[in-house]
N, C-alpha and C. Protein backbone atom coordinates (compact mmCIF):
# COMPACT_ATOMS: atom_id res chain seq x y z
N MET A 1 19.17 -5.85 12.16
CA MET A 1 18.31 -4.74 11.80
C MET A 1 19.09 -3.43 11.81
N PRO A 2 18.90 -2.49 10.88
CA PRO A 2 19.69 -1.25 10.84
C PRO A 2 19.25 -0.34 11.92
N ASP A 3 20.12 0.74 12.21
CA ASP A 3 19.76 1.65 13.23
C ASP A 3 18.46 2.40 12.94
N LYS A 4 18.23 2.69 11.68
CA LYS A 4 17.03 3.39 11.35
C LYS A 4 16.14 2.48 10.46
N SER A 5 14.85 2.43 10.78
CA SER A 5 13.94 1.52 10.06
C SER A 5 13.73 2.06 8.62
N LEU A 6 13.33 1.17 7.77
CA LEU A 6 12.98 1.53 6.39
C LEU A 6 11.61 2.27 6.43
N SER A 7 11.56 3.31 5.63
CA SER A 7 10.31 4.03 5.44
C SER A 7 10.18 4.49 4.04
N PHE A 8 8.93 4.57 3.60
CA PHE A 8 8.66 4.89 2.21
C PHE A 8 7.49 5.91 2.16
N ARG A 9 7.34 6.61 1.07
CA ARG A 9 6.25 7.58 0.91
C ARG A 9 5.10 6.87 0.16
N PHE A 10 3.94 7.05 0.75
CA PHE A 10 2.75 6.45 0.12
C PHE A 10 2.47 7.15 -1.21
N ASN A 11 2.34 6.36 -2.24
CA ASN A 11 2.04 6.85 -3.59
C ASN A 11 0.58 6.52 -3.95
N LEU A 12 -0.32 7.49 -3.81
CA LEU A 12 -1.73 7.27 -4.07
C LEU A 12 -2.02 6.85 -5.46
N GLU A 13 -1.32 7.48 -6.41
CA GLU A 13 -1.58 7.10 -7.84
C GLU A 13 -1.28 5.63 -8.10
N LYS A 14 -0.18 5.15 -7.49
CA LYS A 14 0.16 3.74 -7.73
C LYS A 14 -0.83 2.83 -7.00
N ALA A 15 -1.26 3.22 -5.84
CA ALA A 15 -2.29 2.37 -5.12
C ALA A 15 -3.58 2.29 -5.90
N VAL A 16 -4.09 3.42 -6.38
CA VAL A 16 -5.37 3.44 -7.11
C VAL A 16 -5.23 2.67 -8.43
N ASN A 17 -4.13 2.85 -9.15
CA ASN A 17 -3.95 2.23 -10.42
C ASN A 17 -3.68 0.72 -10.24
N ALA A 18 -3.03 0.33 -9.12
CA ALA A 18 -2.86 -1.09 -8.87
C ALA A 18 -4.22 -1.76 -8.68
N LEU A 19 -5.08 -1.09 -7.93
CA LEU A 19 -6.45 -1.66 -7.72
C LEU A 19 -7.18 -1.73 -9.05
N ALA A 20 -7.06 -0.72 -9.87
CA ALA A 20 -7.76 -0.72 -11.18
C ALA A 20 -7.17 -1.86 -12.07
N TYR A 21 -5.88 -2.07 -11.92
CA TYR A 21 -5.23 -3.11 -12.69
C TYR A 21 -5.71 -4.46 -12.30
N PHE A 22 -5.82 -4.68 -10.97
CA PHE A 22 -6.39 -5.92 -10.45
C PHE A 22 -7.79 -6.15 -11.03
N ALA A 23 -8.59 -5.09 -10.89
CA ALA A 23 -10.01 -5.25 -11.32
C ALA A 23 -10.15 -5.49 -12.82
N SER A 24 -9.24 -4.89 -13.60
CA SER A 24 -9.36 -5.06 -15.06
C SER A 24 -8.74 -6.32 -15.62
N LYS A 25 -8.01 -7.03 -14.72
CA LYS A 25 -7.29 -8.23 -15.15
C LYS A 25 -7.98 -9.54 -14.67
N GLY A 26 -9.23 -9.42 -14.31
CA GLY A 26 -9.97 -10.63 -14.00
C GLY A 26 -9.84 -11.16 -12.60
N VAL A 27 -9.34 -10.30 -11.65
CA VAL A 27 -9.31 -10.73 -10.24
C VAL A 27 -10.78 -10.90 -9.79
N SER A 28 -11.11 -12.04 -9.22
CA SER A 28 -12.45 -12.33 -8.78
C SER A 28 -12.73 -11.76 -7.40
N ASP A 29 -13.98 -11.31 -7.17
CA ASP A 29 -14.46 -10.88 -5.85
C ASP A 29 -13.48 -9.91 -5.21
N LEU A 30 -13.25 -8.76 -5.83
CA LEU A 30 -12.29 -7.79 -5.32
C LEU A 30 -12.95 -6.92 -4.24
N THR A 31 -13.11 -7.51 -3.07
CA THR A 31 -13.63 -6.85 -1.93
C THR A 31 -12.52 -5.98 -1.29
N THR A 32 -12.92 -5.21 -0.32
CA THR A 32 -11.91 -4.43 0.43
C THR A 32 -10.85 -5.36 1.05
N LEU A 33 -11.29 -6.46 1.65
CA LEU A 33 -10.35 -7.39 2.25
C LEU A 33 -9.41 -7.99 1.24
N LYS A 34 -9.91 -8.42 0.11
CA LYS A 34 -9.08 -9.09 -0.91
C LYS A 34 -8.15 -8.07 -1.50
N ALA A 35 -8.62 -6.82 -1.71
CA ALA A 35 -7.77 -5.77 -2.30
C ALA A 35 -6.62 -5.48 -1.36
N ALA A 36 -6.86 -5.44 -0.02
CA ALA A 36 -5.78 -5.18 0.91
C ALA A 36 -4.73 -6.26 0.91
N LYS A 37 -5.19 -7.50 0.75
CA LYS A 37 -4.25 -8.61 0.75
C LYS A 37 -3.42 -8.70 -0.53
N LEU A 38 -4.04 -8.39 -1.64
CA LEU A 38 -3.33 -8.40 -2.90
C LEU A 38 -2.25 -7.28 -2.92
N LEU A 39 -2.59 -6.11 -2.44
CA LEU A 39 -1.60 -5.04 -2.37
C LEU A 39 -0.43 -5.39 -1.47
N TYR A 40 -0.79 -5.99 -0.34
CA TYR A 40 0.27 -6.45 0.57
C TYR A 40 1.22 -7.47 -0.08
N LEU A 41 0.64 -8.43 -0.78
CA LEU A 41 1.44 -9.47 -1.42
C LEU A 41 2.30 -8.88 -2.52
N ALA A 42 1.74 -7.89 -3.26
CA ALA A 42 2.53 -7.28 -4.31
C ALA A 42 3.63 -6.36 -3.76
N ASP A 43 3.29 -5.56 -2.74
CA ASP A 43 4.32 -4.73 -2.13
C ASP A 43 5.42 -5.60 -1.48
N ARG A 44 5.06 -6.64 -0.85
CA ARG A 44 5.99 -7.57 -0.19
C ARG A 44 6.96 -8.20 -1.21
N ARG A 45 6.37 -8.67 -2.29
CA ARG A 45 7.17 -9.32 -3.31
C ARG A 45 8.17 -8.36 -3.96
N HIS A 46 7.69 -7.14 -4.29
CA HIS A 46 8.60 -6.17 -4.95
C HIS A 46 9.67 -5.71 -3.95
N LEU A 47 9.31 -5.58 -2.71
CA LEU A 47 10.34 -5.17 -1.70
C LEU A 47 11.42 -6.24 -1.62
N LEU A 48 11.03 -7.50 -1.56
CA LEU A 48 12.03 -8.56 -1.41
C LEU A 48 12.84 -8.85 -2.68
N GLN A 49 12.27 -8.40 -3.82
CA GLN A 49 13.03 -8.56 -5.07
C GLN A 49 13.80 -7.37 -5.46
N HIS A 50 13.35 -6.15 -5.10
CA HIS A 50 13.93 -4.92 -5.63
C HIS A 50 14.28 -3.90 -4.57
N GLY A 51 14.06 -4.18 -3.31
CA GLY A 51 14.45 -3.26 -2.24
C GLY A 51 13.44 -2.15 -1.92
N ARG A 52 12.31 -2.18 -2.58
CA ARG A 52 11.29 -1.16 -2.26
C ARG A 52 9.93 -1.70 -2.64
N PRO A 53 8.87 -1.30 -1.91
CA PRO A 53 7.50 -1.74 -2.27
C PRO A 53 6.99 -0.95 -3.48
N ILE A 54 5.82 -1.26 -3.95
CA ILE A 54 5.23 -0.60 -5.07
C ILE A 54 4.52 0.71 -4.59
N THR A 55 3.66 0.53 -3.62
CA THR A 55 2.79 1.67 -3.23
C THR A 55 3.45 2.55 -2.18
N GLY A 56 4.39 1.96 -1.34
CA GLY A 56 4.96 2.74 -0.27
C GLY A 56 4.00 2.93 0.90
N ASP A 57 2.86 2.27 0.90
CA ASP A 57 1.86 2.40 1.96
C ASP A 57 2.44 1.92 3.30
N GLN A 58 1.89 2.40 4.38
CA GLN A 58 2.29 1.93 5.72
C GLN A 58 1.37 0.75 6.11
N TYR A 59 2.02 -0.34 6.52
CA TYR A 59 1.21 -1.54 6.85
C TYR A 59 0.98 -1.63 8.36
N ILE A 60 -0.20 -2.06 8.70
CA ILE A 60 -0.54 -2.35 10.03
C ILE A 60 -1.07 -3.79 10.14
N ALA A 61 -0.84 -4.43 11.26
CA ALA A 61 -1.35 -5.78 11.51
C ALA A 61 -2.68 -5.72 12.23
N MET A 62 -3.66 -6.35 11.67
CA MET A 62 -5.01 -6.41 12.23
C MET A 62 -5.45 -7.87 12.38
N GLU A 63 -6.61 -8.09 12.86
CA GLU A 63 -7.12 -9.43 13.05
C GLU A 63 -7.02 -10.30 11.81
N LEU A 64 -7.37 -9.65 10.65
CA LEU A 64 -7.41 -10.39 9.39
C LEU A 64 -6.17 -10.22 8.58
N GLY A 65 -5.06 -9.95 9.24
CA GLY A 65 -3.75 -9.89 8.56
C GLY A 65 -3.30 -8.45 8.27
N PRO A 66 -2.26 -8.35 7.41
CA PRO A 66 -1.68 -7.05 7.06
C PRO A 66 -2.66 -6.18 6.27
N VAL A 67 -2.66 -4.93 6.59
CA VAL A 67 -3.53 -3.95 5.92
C VAL A 67 -2.72 -2.72 5.51
N PRO A 68 -2.82 -2.30 4.25
CA PRO A 68 -2.18 -1.05 3.81
C PRO A 68 -3.04 0.13 4.28
N GLU A 69 -2.56 0.83 5.27
CA GLU A 69 -3.41 1.78 6.01
C GLU A 69 -4.01 2.88 5.11
N GLY A 70 -3.14 3.59 4.36
CA GLY A 70 -3.67 4.65 3.52
C GLY A 70 -4.70 4.17 2.50
N THR A 71 -4.37 3.05 1.83
CA THR A 71 -5.32 2.55 0.81
C THR A 71 -6.60 2.02 1.41
N TYR A 72 -6.47 1.41 2.59
CA TYR A 72 -7.68 0.88 3.28
C TYR A 72 -8.62 2.05 3.65
N GLN A 73 -8.04 3.15 4.09
CA GLN A 73 -8.91 4.28 4.45
C GLN A 73 -9.56 4.86 3.19
N LEU A 74 -8.86 4.85 2.10
CA LEU A 74 -9.39 5.35 0.82
C LEU A 74 -10.52 4.45 0.39
N ILE A 75 -10.31 3.16 0.37
CA ILE A 75 -11.40 2.20 -0.08
C ILE A 75 -12.60 2.31 0.78
N THR A 76 -12.39 2.49 2.08
CA THR A 76 -13.51 2.64 3.00
C THR A 76 -14.36 3.89 2.66
N ARG A 77 -13.68 4.94 2.24
CA ARG A 77 -14.41 6.13 1.84
C ARG A 77 -15.12 5.97 0.51
N LEU A 78 -14.54 5.11 -0.37
CA LEU A 78 -15.20 4.86 -1.63
C LEU A 78 -16.47 4.05 -1.41
N VAL A 79 -16.37 3.08 -0.59
CA VAL A 79 -17.48 2.18 -0.31
C VAL A 79 -18.60 2.81 0.48
N ALA A 80 -18.28 3.71 1.40
CA ALA A 80 -19.26 4.35 2.21
C ALA A 80 -20.17 5.30 1.38
N GLN A 81 -21.43 4.99 1.26
CA GLN A 81 -22.28 5.79 0.37
C GLN A 81 -22.53 7.22 0.87
N ASP A 82 -22.46 7.39 2.19
CA ASP A 82 -22.75 8.69 2.76
C ASP A 82 -21.46 9.54 2.98
N GLU A 83 -20.34 9.01 2.48
CA GLU A 83 -19.07 9.72 2.62
C GLU A 83 -19.05 10.96 1.75
N ILE A 84 -18.59 12.09 2.30
CA ILE A 84 -18.57 13.36 1.59
C ILE A 84 -17.42 13.27 0.53
N ASP A 85 -17.68 13.73 -0.65
CA ASP A 85 -16.70 13.70 -1.72
C ASP A 85 -15.56 14.72 -1.41
N ASP A 86 -14.38 14.33 -1.81
CA ASP A 86 -13.22 15.24 -1.73
C ASP A 86 -12.33 14.96 -2.91
N LEU A 87 -11.23 15.72 -3.04
CA LEU A 87 -10.38 15.58 -4.16
C LEU A 87 -9.72 14.25 -4.33
N THR A 88 -9.28 13.71 -3.14
CA THR A 88 -8.64 12.39 -3.18
C THR A 88 -9.60 11.30 -3.66
N LYS A 89 -10.83 11.32 -3.12
CA LYS A 89 -11.85 10.39 -3.54
C LYS A 89 -12.19 10.55 -4.98
N ALA A 90 -12.28 11.77 -5.47
CA ALA A 90 -12.64 12.03 -6.82
C ALA A 90 -11.57 11.49 -7.77
N ARG A 91 -10.26 11.61 -7.39
CA ARG A 91 -9.20 11.10 -8.21
C ARG A 91 -9.24 9.57 -8.31
N ALA A 92 -9.60 8.92 -7.16
CA ALA A 92 -9.74 7.46 -7.20
C ALA A 92 -10.91 6.98 -8.06
N LEU A 93 -11.99 7.78 -8.02
CA LEU A 93 -13.20 7.37 -8.76
C LEU A 93 -13.04 7.53 -10.28
N LYS A 94 -11.95 8.18 -10.68
CA LYS A 94 -11.67 8.28 -12.14
C LYS A 94 -11.28 6.86 -12.68
N HIS A 95 -10.73 6.04 -11.81
CA HIS A 95 -10.25 4.70 -12.20
C HIS A 95 -11.12 3.59 -11.64
N LEU A 96 -11.82 3.85 -10.54
CA LEU A 96 -12.51 2.80 -9.85
C LEU A 96 -14.03 3.12 -9.64
N LYS A 97 -14.77 2.10 -9.57
CA LYS A 97 -16.20 2.23 -9.14
C LYS A 97 -16.54 1.11 -8.19
N VAL A 98 -17.61 1.28 -7.48
CA VAL A 98 -18.02 0.33 -6.45
C VAL A 98 -19.31 -0.36 -6.93
N TYR A 99 -19.27 -1.69 -7.01
CA TYR A 99 -20.42 -2.49 -7.39
C TYR A 99 -21.08 -3.09 -6.15
N ARG A 100 -22.32 -2.76 -5.94
CA ARG A 100 -23.02 -3.20 -4.70
C ARG A 100 -23.98 -4.35 -4.95
N GLY A 101 -24.00 -4.86 -6.18
CA GLY A 101 -24.96 -5.91 -6.50
C GLY A 101 -26.30 -5.38 -6.92
N PHE A 102 -27.15 -6.30 -7.38
CA PHE A 102 -28.47 -5.94 -7.82
C PHE A 102 -29.28 -5.44 -6.62
N TRP A 103 -29.79 -4.23 -6.72
CA TRP A 103 -30.50 -3.57 -5.64
C TRP A 103 -29.62 -3.43 -4.37
N GLY A 104 -28.36 -3.34 -4.58
CA GLY A 104 -27.44 -3.15 -3.48
C GLY A 104 -27.44 -4.27 -2.47
N THR A 105 -27.55 -5.50 -2.94
CA THR A 105 -27.68 -6.65 -2.07
C THR A 105 -26.36 -7.28 -1.62
N LEU A 106 -25.26 -6.83 -2.20
CA LEU A 106 -24.02 -7.44 -1.77
C LEU A 106 -23.58 -7.03 -0.39
N LYS A 107 -23.25 -8.01 0.45
CA LYS A 107 -22.79 -7.69 1.78
C LYS A 107 -21.44 -6.98 1.77
N TYR A 108 -20.58 -7.43 0.83
CA TYR A 108 -19.27 -6.82 0.68
C TYR A 108 -19.13 -6.28 -0.73
N PRO A 109 -19.30 -4.97 -0.94
CA PRO A 109 -19.22 -4.41 -2.29
C PRO A 109 -17.87 -4.72 -2.96
N LEU A 110 -17.93 -4.71 -4.28
CA LEU A 110 -16.73 -5.06 -5.06
C LEU A 110 -16.16 -3.82 -5.75
N LEU A 111 -14.85 -3.76 -5.84
CA LEU A 111 -14.16 -2.74 -6.60
C LEU A 111 -14.08 -3.17 -8.03
N GLN A 112 -14.49 -2.28 -8.97
CA GLN A 112 -14.35 -2.55 -10.34
C GLN A 112 -13.63 -1.43 -11.05
N ALA A 113 -13.11 -1.73 -12.24
CA ALA A 113 -12.35 -0.69 -12.96
C ALA A 113 -13.30 0.19 -13.77
N ARG A 114 -13.21 1.47 -13.65
CA ARG A 114 -14.00 2.45 -14.45
C ARG A 114 -13.31 2.69 -15.79
N GLN A 115 -11.98 2.65 -15.75
CA GLN A 115 -11.19 2.79 -16.97
C GLN A 115 -9.84 2.04 -16.74
N PRO A 116 -9.14 1.76 -17.81
CA PRO A 116 -7.90 0.97 -17.66
C PRO A 116 -6.90 1.73 -16.73
N ALA A 117 -6.10 0.94 -16.04
CA ALA A 117 -5.06 1.53 -15.17
C ALA A 117 -4.05 2.29 -15.97
N ASP A 118 -3.53 3.32 -15.41
CA ASP A 118 -2.47 4.13 -16.04
C ASP A 118 -1.12 3.45 -15.77
N LEU A 119 -0.70 2.62 -16.63
CA LEU A 119 0.57 1.86 -16.37
C LEU A 119 1.81 2.72 -16.38
N ALA A 120 1.67 4.00 -16.86
CA ALA A 120 2.86 4.86 -16.87
C ALA A 120 3.33 5.21 -15.48
N VAL A 121 2.50 5.02 -14.46
CA VAL A 121 2.93 5.30 -13.08
C VAL A 121 3.83 4.22 -12.53
N PHE A 122 3.87 3.09 -13.19
CA PHE A 122 4.63 1.93 -12.68
C PHE A 122 5.97 1.71 -13.47
N SER A 123 6.94 1.18 -12.78
CA SER A 123 8.12 0.71 -13.50
C SER A 123 7.85 -0.65 -14.10
N ASP A 124 8.75 -1.12 -14.96
CA ASP A 124 8.59 -2.48 -15.57
C ASP A 124 8.55 -3.56 -14.46
N SER A 125 9.40 -3.43 -13.49
CA SER A 125 9.42 -4.47 -12.44
C SER A 125 8.16 -4.47 -11.63
N GLU A 126 7.53 -3.29 -11.43
CA GLU A 126 6.30 -3.18 -10.69
C GLU A 126 5.14 -3.85 -11.45
N ILE A 127 5.11 -3.62 -12.75
CA ILE A 127 4.04 -4.25 -13.58
C ILE A 127 4.26 -5.76 -13.54
N ALA A 128 5.51 -6.24 -13.63
CA ALA A 128 5.77 -7.70 -13.62
C ALA A 128 5.31 -8.26 -12.32
N VAL A 129 5.57 -7.59 -11.22
CA VAL A 129 5.12 -8.11 -9.92
C VAL A 129 3.58 -8.10 -9.76
N LEU A 130 2.94 -7.07 -10.24
CA LEU A 130 1.48 -7.05 -10.27
C LEU A 130 0.93 -8.19 -11.05
N ASP A 131 1.53 -8.47 -12.21
CA ASP A 131 1.05 -9.60 -13.05
C ASP A 131 1.26 -10.94 -12.27
N GLU A 132 2.46 -11.08 -11.62
CA GLU A 132 2.69 -12.33 -10.87
C GLU A 132 1.69 -12.48 -9.76
N THR A 133 1.37 -11.40 -9.08
CA THR A 133 0.44 -11.42 -7.98
C THR A 133 -0.95 -11.84 -8.43
N ILE A 134 -1.38 -11.28 -9.57
CA ILE A 134 -2.65 -11.63 -10.15
C ILE A 134 -2.74 -13.13 -10.51
N ALA A 135 -1.64 -13.60 -11.20
CA ALA A 135 -1.58 -14.97 -11.66
C ALA A 135 -1.60 -15.95 -10.49
N GLU A 136 -0.92 -15.60 -9.43
CA GLU A 136 -0.79 -16.53 -8.30
C GLU A 136 -1.93 -16.46 -7.30
N TYR A 137 -2.50 -15.27 -7.14
CA TYR A 137 -3.46 -15.09 -6.05
C TYR A 137 -4.85 -14.53 -6.51
N GLY A 138 -4.93 -14.09 -7.73
CA GLY A 138 -6.11 -13.37 -8.19
C GLY A 138 -7.41 -14.17 -8.06
N LYS A 139 -7.31 -15.49 -8.26
CA LYS A 139 -8.52 -16.36 -8.17
C LYS A 139 -8.78 -16.95 -6.80
N GLN A 140 -7.88 -16.70 -5.85
CA GLN A 140 -8.07 -17.29 -4.54
C GLN A 140 -9.03 -16.45 -3.68
N PRO A 141 -9.81 -17.12 -2.86
CA PRO A 141 -10.74 -16.37 -1.97
C PRO A 141 -9.94 -15.54 -0.98
N ALA A 142 -10.54 -14.42 -0.53
CA ALA A 142 -9.90 -13.57 0.41
C ALA A 142 -9.50 -14.28 1.67
N ARG A 143 -10.34 -15.19 2.09
CA ARG A 143 -10.06 -15.93 3.36
C ARG A 143 -8.73 -16.71 3.26
N ASP A 144 -8.50 -17.30 2.11
CA ASP A 144 -7.26 -18.03 1.88
C ASP A 144 -6.04 -17.09 1.92
N LEU A 145 -6.20 -15.88 1.40
CA LEU A 145 -5.10 -14.94 1.46
C LEU A 145 -4.87 -14.42 2.89
N VAL A 146 -5.90 -14.33 3.63
CA VAL A 146 -5.74 -14.00 5.07
C VAL A 146 -4.92 -15.06 5.78
N ASP A 147 -5.30 -16.34 5.53
CA ASP A 147 -4.56 -17.41 6.17
C ASP A 147 -3.10 -17.42 5.74
N LEU A 148 -2.86 -17.15 4.47
CA LEU A 148 -1.51 -17.11 3.93
C LEU A 148 -0.69 -16.00 4.60
N SER A 149 -1.24 -14.80 4.70
CA SER A 149 -0.54 -13.74 5.34
C SER A 149 -0.24 -13.95 6.81
N HIS A 150 -1.09 -14.72 7.47
CA HIS A 150 -0.90 -15.04 8.89
C HIS A 150 0.39 -15.85 9.09
N GLU A 151 0.79 -16.50 8.04
CA GLU A 151 2.01 -17.38 8.20
C GLU A 151 3.31 -16.61 7.86
N HIS A 152 3.19 -15.38 7.45
CA HIS A 152 4.39 -14.59 7.12
C HIS A 152 5.06 -14.04 8.33
N ARG A 153 6.34 -14.04 8.29
CA ARG A 153 7.16 -13.56 9.43
C ARG A 153 6.77 -12.16 9.85
N ALA A 154 6.58 -11.25 8.90
CA ALA A 154 6.32 -9.84 9.20
C ALA A 154 5.02 -9.75 10.04
N TYR A 155 3.98 -10.50 9.68
CA TYR A 155 2.73 -10.45 10.38
C TYR A 155 2.90 -11.06 11.81
N LYS A 156 3.57 -12.18 11.85
CA LYS A 156 3.74 -12.81 13.15
C LYS A 156 4.47 -11.90 14.16
N LEU A 157 5.54 -11.23 13.70
CA LEU A 157 6.30 -10.37 14.56
C LEU A 157 5.45 -9.24 15.09
N ALA A 158 4.63 -8.61 14.15
CA ALA A 158 3.83 -7.52 14.59
C ALA A 158 2.65 -7.96 15.47
N ASP A 159 2.04 -9.11 15.08
CA ASP A 159 0.84 -9.59 15.78
C ASP A 159 1.21 -9.99 17.23
N ALA A 160 2.47 -10.30 17.48
CA ALA A 160 2.82 -10.68 18.80
C ALA A 160 2.67 -9.53 19.80
N ASP A 161 2.70 -8.29 19.31
CA ASP A 161 2.52 -7.14 20.18
C ASP A 161 1.12 -6.57 20.07
N ARG A 162 0.22 -7.24 19.41
CA ARG A 162 -1.14 -6.71 19.19
C ARG A 162 -2.11 -7.30 20.20
N SER A 163 -2.88 -6.44 20.83
CA SER A 163 -3.94 -6.91 21.69
C SER A 163 -5.20 -7.16 20.90
N PRO A 164 -6.07 -8.06 21.32
CA PRO A 164 -7.27 -8.42 20.56
C PRO A 164 -8.11 -7.19 20.19
N GLY A 165 -8.52 -7.12 18.92
CA GLY A 165 -9.34 -6.01 18.47
C GLY A 165 -8.62 -4.80 18.14
N SER A 166 -7.26 -4.76 18.26
CA SER A 166 -6.53 -3.55 17.97
C SER A 166 -5.70 -3.75 16.71
N SER A 167 -4.90 -2.74 16.40
CA SER A 167 -3.96 -2.82 15.29
C SER A 167 -2.60 -2.31 15.73
N VAL A 168 -1.54 -2.80 15.12
CA VAL A 168 -0.20 -2.31 15.43
C VAL A 168 0.58 -2.14 14.16
N ALA A 169 1.57 -1.27 14.25
CA ALA A 169 2.41 -1.00 13.03
C ALA A 169 3.17 -2.28 12.65
N MET A 170 3.38 -2.44 11.39
CA MET A 170 4.03 -3.58 10.79
C MET A 170 5.22 -3.04 9.98
N PRO A 171 6.38 -2.78 10.56
CA PRO A 171 7.51 -2.13 9.87
C PRO A 171 7.95 -2.97 8.71
N TYR A 172 8.46 -2.24 7.68
CA TYR A 172 9.00 -2.96 6.51
C TYR A 172 10.20 -3.81 6.86
N ASP A 173 10.94 -3.41 7.93
CA ASP A 173 12.10 -4.23 8.36
C ASP A 173 11.67 -5.67 8.72
N TYR A 174 10.42 -5.81 9.15
CA TYR A 174 9.96 -7.18 9.45
C TYR A 174 9.79 -8.06 8.27
N PHE A 175 9.70 -7.45 7.08
CA PHE A 175 9.48 -8.23 5.86
C PHE A 175 10.70 -9.11 5.50
N PHE A 176 11.87 -8.69 5.94
CA PHE A 176 13.11 -9.36 5.59
C PHE A 176 13.41 -10.48 6.65
N ASP A 177 14.00 -11.56 6.16
CA ASP A 177 14.40 -12.62 7.06
C ASP A 177 15.73 -13.19 6.57
N GLU A 178 16.19 -14.33 7.15
CA GLU A 178 17.47 -14.87 6.84
C GLU A 178 17.59 -15.35 5.41
N ASP A 179 16.43 -15.60 4.77
CA ASP A 179 16.43 -16.07 3.38
C ASP A 179 16.49 -14.94 2.37
N THR A 180 16.41 -13.68 2.82
CA THR A 180 16.43 -12.55 1.92
C THR A 180 17.79 -12.37 1.30
N ASP A 181 17.78 -12.09 0.03
CA ASP A 181 19.05 -11.88 -0.68
C ASP A 181 19.75 -10.63 -0.02
N VAL A 182 20.93 -10.83 0.46
CA VAL A 182 21.70 -9.73 1.16
C VAL A 182 21.80 -8.53 0.31
N ARG A 183 21.94 -8.72 -0.99
CA ARG A 183 22.07 -7.55 -1.91
C ARG A 183 20.82 -6.71 -1.97
N VAL A 184 19.66 -7.36 -1.85
CA VAL A 184 18.44 -6.62 -1.82
C VAL A 184 18.29 -5.82 -0.58
N ARG A 185 18.66 -6.40 0.53
CA ARG A 185 18.58 -5.71 1.78
C ARG A 185 19.52 -4.51 1.80
N GLU A 186 20.71 -4.69 1.27
CA GLU A 186 21.68 -3.60 1.20
C GLU A 186 21.17 -2.51 0.30
N LEU A 187 20.52 -2.88 -0.80
CA LEU A 187 19.94 -1.88 -1.73
C LEU A 187 18.87 -1.05 -1.00
N ALA A 188 18.01 -1.77 -0.27
CA ALA A 188 16.97 -1.07 0.49
C ALA A 188 17.53 -0.05 1.46
N GLU A 189 18.64 -0.44 2.13
CA GLU A 189 19.24 0.46 3.10
C GLU A 189 19.92 1.63 2.40
N GLU A 190 20.52 1.39 1.23
CA GLU A 190 21.15 2.50 0.53
C GLU A 190 20.13 3.49 0.04
N GLN A 191 19.00 2.95 -0.44
CA GLN A 191 17.91 3.85 -0.90
C GLN A 191 17.33 4.64 0.22
N GLN A 192 17.32 3.99 1.43
CA GLN A 192 16.82 4.68 2.62
C GLN A 192 17.72 5.88 2.92
N GLU A 193 18.97 5.77 2.79
CA GLU A 193 19.89 6.90 2.99
C GLU A 193 19.62 8.04 2.02
N ASP A 194 19.30 7.67 0.77
CA ASP A 194 18.96 8.71 -0.19
C ASP A 194 17.70 9.43 0.19
N ARG A 195 16.65 8.67 0.62
CA ARG A 195 15.43 9.26 1.04
C ARG A 195 15.60 10.19 2.24
N ASP A 196 16.40 9.69 3.21
CA ASP A 196 16.68 10.55 4.40
C ASP A 196 17.35 11.83 4.01
N PHE A 197 18.31 11.74 3.08
CA PHE A 197 19.02 12.92 2.65
C PHE A 197 18.08 13.92 1.93
N ALA A 198 17.17 13.37 1.11
CA ALA A 198 16.25 14.23 0.41
C ALA A 198 15.27 14.85 1.37
N ASP A 199 14.88 14.11 2.38
CA ASP A 199 13.95 14.66 3.39
C ASP A 199 14.64 15.79 4.19
N ALA A 200 15.93 15.60 4.49
CA ALA A 200 16.69 16.63 5.20
C ALA A 200 16.79 17.88 4.40
N LEU A 201 17.01 17.76 3.06
CA LEU A 201 17.09 18.92 2.18
C LEU A 201 15.74 19.66 2.14
N ARG A 202 14.66 18.90 2.08
CA ARG A 202 13.33 19.55 2.04
C ARG A 202 13.03 20.30 3.34
N LYS A 203 13.43 19.66 4.46
CA LYS A 203 13.17 20.33 5.76
C LYS A 203 13.98 21.63 5.84
N ALA A 204 15.24 21.54 5.40
CA ALA A 204 16.12 22.69 5.45
C ALA A 204 15.55 23.82 4.56
N GLY A 205 15.03 23.40 3.39
CA GLY A 205 14.48 24.41 2.48
C GLY A 205 13.25 25.05 3.06
N ARG A 206 12.38 24.24 3.70
CA ARG A 206 11.14 24.87 4.31
C ARG A 206 11.54 25.80 5.43
N ALA A 207 12.57 25.37 6.24
CA ALA A 207 12.98 26.23 7.35
C ALA A 207 13.55 27.55 6.83
N ALA A 208 14.32 27.49 5.74
CA ALA A 208 14.88 28.72 5.21
C ALA A 208 13.80 29.62 4.67
N LEU A 209 12.79 29.06 4.01
CA LEU A 209 11.64 29.87 3.47
C LEU A 209 10.88 30.51 4.68
N SER A 210 10.69 29.73 5.71
CA SER A 210 9.93 30.20 6.83
C SER A 210 10.69 31.35 7.50
N GLN A 211 11.99 31.18 7.65
CA GLN A 211 12.81 32.26 8.23
C GLN A 211 12.78 33.53 7.36
N ARG A 212 12.83 33.32 6.08
CA ARG A 212 12.77 34.52 5.16
C ARG A 212 11.47 35.21 5.25
N ASP A 213 10.35 34.43 5.42
CA ASP A 213 9.04 35.05 5.57
C ASP A 213 8.97 35.86 6.83
N ARG A 214 9.50 35.27 7.92
CA ARG A 214 9.47 35.99 9.17
C ARG A 214 10.28 37.26 9.16
N THR A 215 11.43 37.22 8.49
CA THR A 215 12.29 38.34 8.34
C THR A 215 11.61 39.45 7.58
N ALA A 216 10.97 39.07 6.45
CA ALA A 216 10.29 40.00 5.60
C ALA A 216 9.10 40.66 6.34
N THR A 217 8.42 39.91 7.16
CA THR A 217 7.26 40.40 7.94
C THR A 217 7.74 41.40 8.97
N ALA A 218 8.88 41.17 9.54
CA ALA A 218 9.42 42.05 10.61
C ALA A 218 9.92 43.36 10.07
N GLN A 219 10.27 43.40 8.79
CA GLN A 219 10.85 44.66 8.24
C GLN A 219 9.73 45.68 7.99
């Protein structure tokens, strides 16, 4: 494992459009639980093939398997009828809607597409992985996907440190194992160096601006 863990920036547009893509491509029973598992499987596959996930969401291990934390919080807000609207929710609702069944009888509301996903936010490899995920897992019940994710190395490593009823971080480093293509892992680490450098530049820029503002105020 490298000295510094892999980290990625959560891309809300990709997460929302991935969900809309799932919903518009015939994924059955797209509940919150199933949506979380499909995103995990897509992010995991793209990471292991191309050195980076699709959404960049942070994963946590919970009782029912891996959960993309940012996307899960967003879906929860979409599903909650009494949730106050905000800009992030409004952006998501441009592509997604919540189906609660006839007279609201569904125990687990379903995500549906309000309009086609904006595929321009994805690379060709990301679209290919989304299609592969739909073809392989789109018709499977959410419970089967939970069982599948429980067998993955990443979840097992994180779950070993999780107390009942709690959640723990599930680092992207855990996704790699001895069967991972060495070149993919090296690519992921090289890209991490680029992200770290870009972050350092942004921090330096913000610090310089802050210092300039303090100097201007003092004059």
